[in-house]
């Protein structure tokens, strides 16, 4: 509920700022500003988003044993999320969102926001973060980052599917060899 109220307050503030600033600088100037920030936001999102994805890929492949460093990966994922949010804020019309988007495109402020978000997530009673110890492949195929996959089929068997005589297999029924 607090997140929903925050979004409502944010959009009311955006509308209020658009009316106030648009009245001061003029309607056409406001429209041009909105279009320019949307273009800049999409260009920055494309450029910095690609860089964030490259850093995430490096963090995934960083360890020689094939297991990524969890802290480095979490940092890069939060950084990528902040870049995505910055681009969305700049693409959406409004001055408050533009200000937040510009601030999130500045790397030191983006890292600070990521650390603050991570601290909040860890201390929150509503959010739980779980990590599996052996979630990364090991054994055959681990060097390539691919786990061994064994394919098969199954079906549920109840009492009516049993053959009438013990040891006798119905020829129409599949068998495991």
Protein backbone atom coordinates (compact mmCIF):
# COMPACT_ATOMS: atom_id res chain seq x y z
CA UNK A 1 0.00 0.00 0.00
CA UNK A 2 2.78 2.54 0.74
CA UNK A 3 4.30 1.94 -2.73
CA UNK A 4 0.92 2.55 -4.37
CA UNK A 5 0.46 5.79 -2.41
CA UNK A 6 3.99 6.85 -3.36
CA UNK A 7 3.21 6.34 -7.05
CA UNK A 8 -0.02 8.34 -6.75
CA UNK A 9 1.78 11.19 -4.96
CA UNK A 10 4.57 11.09 -7.57
CA UNK A 11 2.14 11.45 -10.48
CA UNK A 12 0.20 14.26 -8.78
CA UNK A 13 3.52 16.06 -8.20
CA UNK A 14 4.40 15.53 -11.88
CA UNK A 15 1.12 17.04 -13.03
CA UNK A 16 1.47 19.97 -10.64
CA UNK A 17 5.05 20.65 -11.85
CA UNK A 18 4.03 20.38 -15.50
CA UNK A 19 1.29 22.98 -14.93
CA UNK A 20 3.53 25.35 -12.93
CA UNK A 21 6.67 25.10 -15.08
CA UNK A 22 4.67 24.90 -18.31
CA UNK A 23 2.88 28.11 -17.33
CA UNK A 24 6.20 29.83 -16.63
CA UNK A 25 8.14 28.74 -19.73
CA UNK A 26 5.25 28.25 -22.17
CA UNK A 27 3.42 25.29 -23.61
CA UNK A 28 5.57 24.76 -26.71
CA UNK A 29 8.79 24.94 -24.73
CA UNK A 30 7.40 22.35 -22.32
CA UNK A 31 6.46 20.03 -25.19
CA UNK A 32 9.92 20.42 -26.79
CA UNK A 33 11.55 19.69 -23.40
CA UNK A 34 9.47 16.53 -22.96
CA UNK A 35 10.35 15.30 -26.47
CA UNK A 36 14.08 16.07 -26.05
CA UNK A 37 14.32 14.31 -22.68
CA UNK A 38 12.50 11.27 -24.10
CA UNK A 39 15.01 11.10 -26.99
CA UNK A 40 17.96 11.60 -24.64
CA UNK A 41 16.56 9.02 -22.21
CA UNK A 42 16.17 6.38 -24.89
CA UNK A 43 19.70 7.04 -26.23
CA UNK A 44 21.24 6.90 -22.74
CA UNK A 45 19.24 3.80 -21.91
CA UNK A 46 20.50 2.07 -25.04
CA UNK A 47 24.14 3.04 -24.40
CA UNK A 48 24.37 2.56 -20.63
CA UNK A 49 22.01 -0.41 -20.69
CA UNK A 50 24.36 -2.24 -23.07
CA UNK A 51 27.28 -1.39 -20.79
CA UNK A 52 25.36 -2.66 -17.75
CA UNK A 53 24.54 -5.93 -19.54
CA UNK A 54 28.22 -6.36 -20.45
CA UNK A 55 29.22 -5.84 -16.79
CA UNK A 56 26.58 -8.37 -15.67
CA UNK A 57 27.94 -10.88 -18.19
CA UNK A 58 31.49 -10.28 -16.90
CA UNK A 59 30.32 -10.73 -13.30
CA UNK A 60 28.66 -14.02 -14.27
CA UNK A 61 31.83 -15.33 -15.91
CA UNK A 62 34.36 -13.79 -13.49
CA UNK A 63 35.19 -16.79 -11.32
CA UNK A 64 37.51 -19.55 -12.58
CA UNK A 65 35.36 -22.29 -11.02
CA UNK A 66 32.30 -21.17 -12.97
CA UNK A 67 30.51 -19.69 -9.95
CA UNK A 68 29.90 -15.96 -10.04
CA UNK A 69 30.77 -13.67 -7.16
CA UNK A 70 27.36 -13.05 -5.57
CA UNK A 71 28.18 -9.57 -4.28
CA UNK A 72 29.60 -8.40 -7.61
CA UNK A 73 26.65 -9.87 -9.48
CA UNK A 74 24.13 -8.24 -7.11
CA UNK A 75 25.90 -4.89 -7.51
CA UNK A 76 25.81 -5.11 -11.30
CA UNK A 77 22.17 -6.23 -11.33
CA UNK A 78 21.15 -3.30 -9.12
CA UNK A 79 23.18 -0.98 -11.34
CA UNK A 80 21.38 -2.33 -14.41
CA UNK A 81 18.02 -1.88 -12.69
CA UNK A 82 18.91 1.73 -11.87
CA UNK A 83 19.86 2.37 -15.52
CA UNK A 84 16.53 0.91 -16.64
CA UNK A 85 14.61 3.07 -14.16
CA UNK A 86 16.59 6.16 -15.20
CA UNK A 87 15.67 5.58 -18.83
CA UNK A 88 12.01 5.04 -17.99
CA UNK A 89 11.92 8.22 -15.89
CA UNK A 90 13.42 10.23 -18.76
CA UNK A 91 11.09 8.73 -21.37
CA UNK A 92 7.95 9.44 -19.32
CA UNK A 93 6.76 13.04 -19.56
CA UNK A 94 7.39 15.23 -16.55
CA UNK A 95 10.01 17.35 -14.84
CA UNK A 96 10.29 15.42 -11.57
CA UNK A 97 10.85 12.13 -13.40
CA UNK A 98 13.43 13.85 -15.65
CA UNK A 99 15.33 15.06 -12.59
CA UNK A 100 15.32 11.57 -11.04
CA UNK A 101 16.32 10.00 -14.36
CA UNK A 102 19.25 12.38 -14.87
CA UNK A 103 20.46 11.76 -11.32
CA UNK A 104 20.25 7.97 -11.79
CA UNK A 105 22.38 8.17 -14.94
CA UNK A 106 25.26 9.60 -12.86
CA UNK A 107 27.26 6.49 -11.79
CA UNK A 108 28.20 7.54 -8.20
CA UNK A 109 24.60 8.51 -7.43
CA UNK A 110 23.36 5.33 -9.10
CA UNK A 111 25.68 3.21 -6.91
CA UNK A 112 24.54 5.11 -3.82
CA UNK A 113 20.89 4.48 -4.73
CA UNK A 114 21.66 0.78 -5.30
CA UNK A 115 23.35 0.47 -1.90
CA UNK A 116 20.42 2.22 -0.22
CA UNK A 117 17.95 -0.09 -1.97
CA UNK A 118 19.97 -3.20 -1.02
CA UNK A 119 20.16 -2.05 2.62
CA UNK A 120 16.41 -1.50 2.64
CA UNK A 121 15.75 -4.93 1.06
CA UNK A 122 17.97 -6.70 3.60
CA UNK A 123 16.30 -4.95 6.54
CA UNK A 124 12.75 -5.29 5.25
CA UNK A 125 10.33 -7.67 6.94
CA UNK A 126 8.33 -8.06 3.71
CA UNK A 127 11.17 -8.99 1.36
CA UNK A 128 13.24 -12.15 1.65
CA UNK A 129 16.36 -12.86 -0.38
CA UNK A 130 17.35 -16.49 -0.89
CA UNK A 131 20.37 -17.91 -2.63
CA UNK A 132 21.08 -21.54 -3.42
CA UNK A 133 24.59 -22.74 -2.68
CA UNK A 134 24.82 -25.27 -5.47
CA UNK A 135 22.70 -23.49 -8.04
CA UNK A 136 25.56 -23.38 -10.54
CA UNK A 137 26.38 -26.40 -12.65
CA UNK A 138 29.11 -28.80 -11.64
CA UNK A 139 30.25 -32.05 -13.12
CA UNK A 140 30.12 -32.88 -16.85
CA UNK A 141 29.56 -29.74 -18.90
CA UNK A 142 30.31 -27.35 -16.03
CA UNK A 143 33.33 -25.83 -17.77
CA UNK A 144 31.12 -24.72 -20.63
CA UNK A 145 28.49 -23.40 -18.22
CA UNK A 146 26.02 -26.07 -19.29
CA UNK A 147 24.72 -28.78 -17.01
CA UNK A 148 24.09 -32.35 -18.16
CA UNK A 149 20.46 -32.79 -19.15
CA UNK A 150 18.81 -36.20 -19.21
CA UNK A 151 15.57 -36.25 -21.12
CA UNK A 152 12.78 -38.71 -20.50
CA UNK A 153 9.06 -39.24 -20.39
CA UNK A 154 6.83 -40.28 -17.57
CA UNK A 155 3.24 -41.05 -16.89
CA UNK A 156 1.28 -41.58 -13.73
CA UNK A 157 0.42 -45.19 -13.00
CA UNK A 158 -2.45 -46.25 -10.79
CA UNK A 159 -3.55 -49.78 -9.79
CA UNK A 160 -5.58 -50.38 -12.96
CA UNK A 161 -2.48 -50.14 -15.19
CA UNK A 162 -0.82 -53.28 -13.72
CA UNK A 163 -0.59 -56.42 -15.84
CA UNK A 164 -2.99 -59.22 -14.84
CA UNK A 165 -0.24 -61.77 -14.13
CA UNK A 166 2.88 -61.00 -12.11
CA UNK A 167 5.96 -60.79 -14.33
CA UNK A 168 3.93 -60.35 -17.51
CA UNK A 169 4.32 -57.03 -19.35
CA UNK A 170 1.62 -55.68 -21.62
CA UNK A 171 3.24 -55.23 -25.09
CA UNK A 172 1.47 -51.88 -25.60
CA UNK A 173 2.94 -50.44 -22.40
CA UNK A 174 6.32 -48.68 -22.55
CA UNK A 175 9.20 -50.25 -20.62
CA UNK A 176 12.38 -48.84 -19.17
CA UNK A 177 15.49 -50.82 -20.17
